[in-house]
Protein backbone atom coordinates (compact mmCIF):
# COMPACT_ATOMS: atom_id res chain seq x y z
CA UNK A 1 0.13 0.03 -0.07
CA UNK A 2 1.10 3.53 -0.31
CA UNK A 3 2.44 5.66 2.57
CA UNK A 4 1.55 8.95 3.74
CA UNK A 5 4.17 11.28 5.59
CA UNK A 6 3.26 13.37 8.61
CA UNK A 7 4.95 16.84 8.56
CA UNK A 8 7.69 17.88 10.87
CA UNK A 9 5.31 20.09 12.90
CA UNK A 10 4.05 16.91 14.35
CA UNK A 11 6.60 17.71 17.24
CA UNK A 12 9.24 15.02 16.59
CA UNK A 13 12.92 16.45 17.16
CA UNK A 14 14.27 14.05 14.59
CA UNK A 15 15.85 15.35 11.19
CA UNK A 16 13.20 13.89 8.98
CA UNK A 17 15.03 14.21 5.85
CA UNK A 18 18.05 11.79 7.09
CA UNK A 19 15.61 9.21 7.80
CA UNK A 20 15.34 5.99 5.50
CA UNK A 21 11.66 5.07 4.88
CA UNK A 22 12.67 1.43 4.33
CA UNK A 23 14.13 1.13 7.93
CA UNK A 24 12.09 -1.07 10.37
CA UNK A 25 13.71 0.19 13.49
CA UNK A 26 12.40 3.20 15.73
CA UNK A 27 14.75 5.40 17.55
CA UNK A 28 12.17 8.05 18.26
CA UNK A 29 9.06 6.73 19.55
CA UNK A 30 9.38 8.58 22.68
CA UNK A 31 10.39 11.93 21.04
CA UNK A 32 7.60 11.85 18.43
CA UNK A 33 4.83 13.65 20.21
CA UNK A 34 1.81 13.97 19.76
CA UNK A 35 2.08 10.91 17.50
CA UNK A 36 4.14 8.07 19.17
CA UNK A 37 1.43 5.72 18.45
CA UNK A 38 2.31 5.80 14.70
CA UNK A 39 5.94 6.53 14.74
CA UNK A 40 6.62 2.80 13.41
CA UNK A 41 10.11 3.46 12.00
CA UNK A 42 12.56 6.18 11.55
CA UNK A 43 9.85 8.30 9.47
CA UNK A 44 6.28 8.57 10.37
CA UNK A 45 4.26 6.33 7.99
CA UNK A 46 0.46 6.13 7.71
CA UNK A 47 -1.06 3.35 5.47
CA UNK A 48 -3.11 5.08 2.75
CA UNK A 49 -6.72 3.48 2.37
CA UNK A 50 -7.78 2.23 -1.14
CA UNK A 51 -10.34 4.67 -2.73
CA UNK A 52 -13.88 3.15 -3.14
CA UNK A 53 -15.70 3.92 -6.29
CA UNK A 54 -18.72 2.72 -8.43
CA UNK A 55 -19.24 1.65 -12.23
CA UNK A 56 -21.60 3.55 -13.95
CA UNK A 57 -22.72 3.72 -17.54
CA UNK A 58 -21.77 6.66 -19.73
CA UNK A 59 -24.39 8.32 -22.07
CA UNK A 60 -24.94 11.75 -23.62
CA UNK A 61 -26.55 12.57 -20.11
CA UNK A 62 -23.04 12.70 -18.40
CA UNK A 63 -24.34 14.64 -15.33
CA UNK A 64 -26.60 11.58 -14.45
CA UNK A 65 -23.58 9.24 -14.34
CA UNK A 66 -21.31 11.51 -11.92
CA UNK A 67 -24.36 12.39 -9.70
CA UNK A 68 -25.11 8.64 -9.11
CA UNK A 69 -21.59 8.29 -7.85
CA UNK A 70 -21.72 11.40 -5.79
CA UNK A 71 -25.02 10.50 -4.30
CA UNK A 72 -23.72 7.51 -2.53
CA UNK A 73 -20.80 9.56 -1.28
CA UNK A 74 -17.99 7.99 -3.44
CA UNK A 75 -15.15 9.85 -5.05
CA UNK A 76 -13.98 7.40 -8.04
CA UNK A 77 -15.74 5.71 -10.70
CA UNK A 78 -15.32 3.60 -13.93
CA UNK A 79 -17.13 4.85 -16.79
CA UNK A 80 -18.87 2.06 -19.08
CA UNK A 81 -19.87 2.74 -22.50
CA UNK A 82 -21.16 0.14 -25.06
CA UNK A 83 -21.94 2.78 -27.65
CA UNK A 84 -18.45 3.55 -29.42
CA UNK A 85 -20.31 5.97 -31.84
CA UNK A 86 -21.06 8.51 -29.05
CA UNK A 87 -17.22 9.02 -28.06
CA UNK A 88 -15.57 12.01 -29.16
CA UNK A 89 -14.19 15.56 -27.97
CA UNK A 90 -17.59 16.77 -27.35
CA UNK A 91 -18.67 14.18 -24.88
CA UNK A 92 -14.95 14.11 -23.41
CA UNK A 93 -15.43 17.85 -22.53
CA UNK A 94 -18.51 17.11 -20.68
CA UNK A 95 -16.95 14.28 -18.64
CA UNK A 96 -13.99 16.46 -17.48
CA UNK A 97 -16.37 19.06 -16.50
CA UNK A 98 -18.75 16.83 -14.64
CA UNK A 99 -15.68 14.99 -12.95
CA UNK A 100 -14.60 18.33 -11.52
CA UNK A 101 -18.11 19.52 -10.61
CA UNK A 102 -18.90 16.51 -8.62
CA UNK A 103 -15.34 15.72 -7.29
CA UNK A 104 -15.36 12.24 -8.89
CA UNK A 105 -12.19 10.88 -10.57
CA UNK A 106 -12.44 8.41 -13.50
CA UNK A 107 -10.24 5.64 -12.65
CA UNK A 108 -10.63 3.57 -15.79
CA UNK A 109 -12.79 3.99 -18.96
CA UNK A 110 -14.72 0.53 -19.37
CA UNK A 111 -14.88 0.17 -23.22
CA UNK A 112 -17.67 -1.70 -24.65
CA UNK A 113 -18.12 -2.80 -28.45
CA UNK A 114 -20.91 -2.97 -30.81
CA UNK A 115 -22.92 -6.12 -32.07
CA UNK A 116 -24.61 -8.95 -30.13
CA UNK A 117 -23.16 -10.10 -26.92
CA UNK A 118 -24.48 -13.23 -25.14
CA UNK A 119 -23.51 -13.83 -21.50
CA UNK A 120 -23.49 -17.63 -21.28
CA UNK A 121 -21.39 -20.78 -22.07
CA UNK A 122 -23.37 -21.31 -25.43
CA UNK A 123 -23.17 -18.16 -27.59
CA UNK A 124 -20.67 -16.15 -25.29
CA UNK A 125 -17.64 -17.82 -27.15
CA UNK A 126 -18.92 -16.54 -30.54
CA UNK A 127 -20.24 -13.26 -29.39
CA UNK A 128 -17.97 -11.55 -26.64
CA UNK A 129 -14.99 -9.52 -27.10
CA UNK A 130 -12.21 -9.67 -29.66
CA UNK A 131 -12.17 -13.54 -29.75
CA UNK A 132 -14.76 -13.94 -32.55
CA UNK A 133 -12.79 -13.70 -35.72
CA UNK A 134 -15.98 -12.24 -37.71
CA UNK A 135 -16.17 -9.04 -35.68
CA UNK A 136 -12.63 -8.66 -34.50
CA UNK A 137 -11.28 -6.24 -36.96
CA UNK A 138 -14.43 -3.88 -36.44
CA UNK A 139 -14.22 -4.23 -32.69
CA UNK A 140 -10.55 -3.56 -32.58
CA UNK A 141 -11.27 -0.12 -34.33
CA UNK A 142 -14.04 0.61 -31.64
CA UNK A 143 -11.77 -0.17 -28.81
CA UNK A 144 -9.07 2.06 -30.18
CA UNK A 145 -11.69 4.67 -30.39
CA UNK A 146 -12.16 3.81 -26.70
CA UNK A 147 -8.52 4.08 -25.84
CA UNK A 148 -8.37 7.59 -27.50
CA UNK A 149 -11.49 8.64 -25.41
CA UNK A 150 -9.67 7.57 -22.26
CA UNK A 151 -6.73 9.60 -23.00
CA UNK A 152 -9.03 12.82 -23.74
CA UNK A 153 -10.74 12.29 -20.19
CA UNK A 154 -7.37 11.62 -18.46
CA UNK A 155 -8.26 8.01 -17.31
CA UNK A 156 -5.35 5.78 -16.89
CA UNK A 157 -6.41 2.86 -18.84
CA UNK A 158 -9.24 1.06 -20.68
CA UNK A 159 -10.89 -1.89 -19.50
CA UNK A 160 -12.80 -4.52 -21.21
CA UNK A 161 -13.73 -8.31 -21.79
CA UNK A 162 -11.58 -9.81 -24.29
CA UNK A 163 -13.77 -12.95 -24.53
CA UNK A 164 -13.22 -16.67 -24.26
CA UNK A 165 -9.52 -16.73 -24.79
CA UNK A 166 -8.71 -20.37 -26.21
CA UNK A 167 -7.07 -22.35 -23.52
CA UNK A 168 -5.48 -24.64 -26.13
CA UNK A 169 -2.36 -23.02 -27.59
CA UNK A 170 -2.72 -25.14 -30.90
CA UNK A 171 -6.03 -23.62 -31.34
CA UNK A 172 -5.81 -21.70 -34.81
CA UNK A 173 -7.73 -18.78 -33.68
CA UNK A 174 -5.13 -17.99 -30.85
CA UNK A 175 -2.17 -16.51 -32.73
CA UNK A 176 -4.27 -13.84 -34.71
CA UNK A 177 -6.11 -13.12 -31.54
CA UNK A 178 -2.82 -12.21 -29.92
CA UNK A 179 -1.74 -10.15 -32.63
CA UNK A 180 -4.84 -7.99 -32.62
CA UNK A 181 -4.50 -7.77 -28.62
CA UNK A 182 -1.03 -6.70 -29.12
CA UNK A 183 -2.02 -4.07 -31.76
CA UNK A 184 -4.52 -2.72 -29.14
CA UNK A 185 -1.95 -2.71 -26.41
CA UNK A 186 0.36 -0.77 -28.44
CA UNK A 187 -2.21 1.57 -29.46
CA UNK A 188 -2.91 2.05 -25.68
CA UNK A 189 0.56 2.35 -24.94
CA UNK A 190 1.09 5.28 -27.50
CA UNK A 191 -1.81 6.99 -25.69
CA UNK A 192 0.17 6.54 -22.50
CA UNK A 193 -2.61 4.38 -20.94
CA UNK A 194 -2.83 0.71 -19.79
CA UNK A 195 -4.92 -1.96 -21.22
CA UNK A 196 -6.64 -3.95 -18.42
CA UNK A 197 -8.44 -7.32 -19.09
CA UNK A 198 -11.55 -7.70 -16.83
CA UNK A 199 -11.47 -11.41 -15.53
CA UNK A 200 -14.40 -13.55 -16.46
CA UNK A 201 -14.32 -15.85 -19.64
CA UNK A 202 -10.80 -17.12 -19.28
CA UNK A 203 -9.00 -19.13 -16.69
CA UNK A 204 -6.19 -17.51 -14.71
CA UNK A 205 -3.50 -19.38 -16.30
CA UNK A 206 -4.55 -18.78 -19.78
CA UNK A 207 -4.89 -14.90 -18.95
CA UNK A 208 -1.33 -14.97 -17.63
CA UNK A 209 -0.01 -16.88 -20.68
CA UNK A 210 -1.80 -14.18 -23.10
CA UNK A 211 -0.04 -11.52 -21.11
CA UNK A 212 3.24 -13.29 -21.63
CA UNK A 213 2.53 -13.66 -25.40
CA UNK A 214 1.22 -10.10 -26.05
CA UNK A 215 4.60 -8.82 -24.40
CA UNK A 216 3.79 -5.15 -23.79
CA UNK A 217 4.41 -3.58 -20.51
CA UNK A 218 1.00 -1.69 -20.14
CA UNK A 219 -1.13 -4.69 -19.40
CA UNK A 220 -3.11 -5.17 -16.22
CA UNK A 221 -6.12 -7.07 -14.82
CA UNK A 222 -9.24 -5.67 -13.79
CA UNK A 223 -10.21 -8.12 -11.22
CA UNK A 224 -13.86 -8.98 -10.99
CA UNK A 225 -13.91 -11.81 -8.28
CA UNK A 226 -17.57 -12.44 -8.90
CA UNK A 227 -16.87 -13.14 -12.57
CA UNK A 228 -14.39 -15.90 -11.83
CA UNK A 229 -16.99 -17.80 -9.73
CA UNK A 230 -20.02 -16.89 -12.22
CA UNK A 231 -18.10 -18.69 -14.97
CA UNK A 232 -16.58 -21.19 -12.79
CA UNK A 233 -13.08 -20.14 -13.54
CA UNK A 234 -11.56 -20.44 -10.15
CA UNK A 235 -11.46 -18.90 -6.65
CA UNK A 236 -10.47 -15.21 -6.79
CA UNK A 237 -8.13 -15.59 -3.77
CA UNK A 238 -6.23 -18.49 -5.27
CA UNK A 239 -6.13 -16.87 -8.71
CA UNK A 240 -4.05 -14.09 -7.29
CA UNK A 241 -1.19 -16.69 -7.09
CA UNK A 242 -1.53 -16.73 -10.82
CA UNK A 243 -1.86 -13.25 -11.86
CA UNK A 244 -1.88 -11.18 -8.80
CA UNK A 245 1.02 -8.98 -9.79
CA UNK A 246 -0.99 -7.62 -12.76
CA UNK A 247 -3.93 -6.49 -10.69
CA UNK A 248 -4.51 -2.86 -11.55
CA UNK A 249 -8.18 -2.49 -10.77
CA UNK A 250 -10.95 -4.62 -9.00
CA UNK A 251 -14.61 -4.81 -9.22
CA UNK A 252 -16.37 -5.44 -5.83
CA UNK A 253 -19.25 -7.82 -6.85
CA UNK A 254 -20.27 -11.06 -5.65
CA UNK A 255 -21.88 -14.17 -6.95
CA UNK A 256 -22.30 -17.93 -6.79
CA UNK A 257 -21.11 -20.74 -9.02
CA UNK A 258 -22.88 -22.17 -12.22
CA UNK A 259 -25.24 -25.14 -11.40
CA UNK A 260 -25.52 -26.29 -15.03
CA UNK A 261 -23.20 -26.38 -17.92
CA UNK A 262 -24.91 -23.77 -20.00
CA UNK A 263 -25.55 -20.87 -17.86
CA UNK A 264 -23.32 -18.72 -15.61
CA UNK A 265 -23.86 -18.46 -11.95
CA UNK A 266 -25.92 -15.84 -10.46
CA UNK A 267 -24.81 -12.29 -9.16
CA UNK A 268 -26.03 -11.74 -5.51
CA UNK A 269 -25.70 -8.48 -3.34
CA UNK A 270 -22.09 -8.23 -1.95
CA UNK A 271 -21.68 -10.53 0.92
CA UNK A 272 -24.21 -12.93 -0.05
CA UNK A 273 -22.24 -14.90 -2.57
CA UNK A 274 -19.14 -16.95 -2.75
CA UNK A 275 -16.33 -14.12 -2.70
CA UNK A 276 -14.51 -13.92 0.45
CA UNK A 277 -13.76 -10.25 0.52
CA UNK A 278 -11.77 -10.07 3.86
CA UNK A 279 -9.27 -12.84 2.40
CA UNK A 280 -9.20 -11.29 -1.15
CA UNK A 281 -8.52 -7.80 0.01
CA UNK A 282 -5.97 -8.82 2.51
CA UNK A 283 -4.13 -10.86 -0.17
CA UNK A 284 -4.23 -7.84 -2.50
CA UNK A 285 -2.68 -5.65 0.07
CA UNK A 286 0.10 -8.22 0.48
CA UNK A 287 0.68 -7.90 -3.17
CA UNK A 288 0.85 -4.27 -3.12
CA UNK A 289 -2.39 -3.14 -5.09
CA UNK A 290 -3.12 0.45 -4.73
CA UNK A 291 -6.83 0.48 -5.56
CA UNK A 292 -9.29 1.81 -6.25
CA UNK A 293 -11.88 -0.77 -5.42
CA UNK A 294 -14.98 -0.20 -7.82
CA UNK A 295 -18.39 -1.47 -6.65
CA UNK A 296 -20.52 -3.30 -9.31
CA UNK A 297 -24.17 -4.22 -9.00
CA UNK A 298 -25.65 -5.35 -12.24
CA UNK A 299 -29.43 -4.46 -11.59
CA UNK A 300 -31.32 -1.27 -11.69
CA UNK A 301 -33.83 0.87 -9.53
CA UNK A 302 -34.04 1.26 -5.76
CA UNK A 303 -32.71 -2.20 -4.94
CA UNK A 304 -29.49 -1.19 -6.86
CA UNK A 305 -28.81 1.88 -4.68
CA UNK A 306 -29.80 -0.09 -1.65
CA UNK A 307 -27.34 -3.06 -2.43
CA UNK A 308 -24.80 -0.41 -3.17
CA UNK A 309 -24.98 1.32 0.12
CA UNK A 310 -24.62 -2.12 1.73
CA UNK A 311 -21.57 -2.92 -0.08
CA UNK A 312 -20.06 0.48 0.97
CA UNK A 313 -21.00 -0.56 4.62
CA UNK A 314 -19.17 -3.97 4.14
CA UNK A 315 -16.12 -2.81 2.29
CA UNK A 316 -15.15 0.28 4.08
CA UNK A 317 -13.66 -1.35 7.05
CA UNK A 318 -11.46 -3.54 4.63
CA UNK A 319 -10.02 -0.73 2.79
């Protein structure tokens, strides 16, 4: 986690500038008043808490998106948009103005694409993301447009579902998929942003191997622990042993495992599914994850807001 430094005005008589922030010894606990309880080493270090945010849809009505985040008292968001045709300088200006007006930072631009998308095990492999060959070229253009938009609004990355990446290295669709992903990753890199893969359709090992084969240094994981469960791809805590060093963002979402071979498991309110958030977030802290944590609840209406507020209550002590 990040560290914050107390100013010298705290009363400590130590020469702060000569101290090493990597030291674990403490010479001045008794001299550092009024903060002896937090003088854990030769400088005064306070762990920074992760920021908590919300994923919201982006439309031409930009104020509505940012107001929804501010209304529940959060200060970061991921903006999700499945309409690439609306992205451009005009909308980016509105986003930046609303971000400043509501005091809400955009932590990632979640870039969707056009065309049919079916969230199950039957039609999902041929409709989701960049895996289907028939729609790959057109969707690459759209996702590059999303990367350009992310740069315009000052977001550090795009996030998206790549799709059901082949587990078999010998699958003839795998090499051209990697080539397309590398092309998109380099486009993002030229824009000075990251390219974050949201977990879900692929196994953790397949995701790691794909990163290795793409080979750029701006790849990251947008960890959705519920998706790993909904797709039956693995336990989110254990998955961190595979790709933990790549986690750059996290969706706080919960759910249950599939109970048949054709359909995903079910999303639940946070705390009512199979995700062990205390263990997951503890492990992320060990790995040096810096946040933010972005709440996602894929329903609408009054119940969505109630579930979001409950999620905030559950997550806040874990940050």
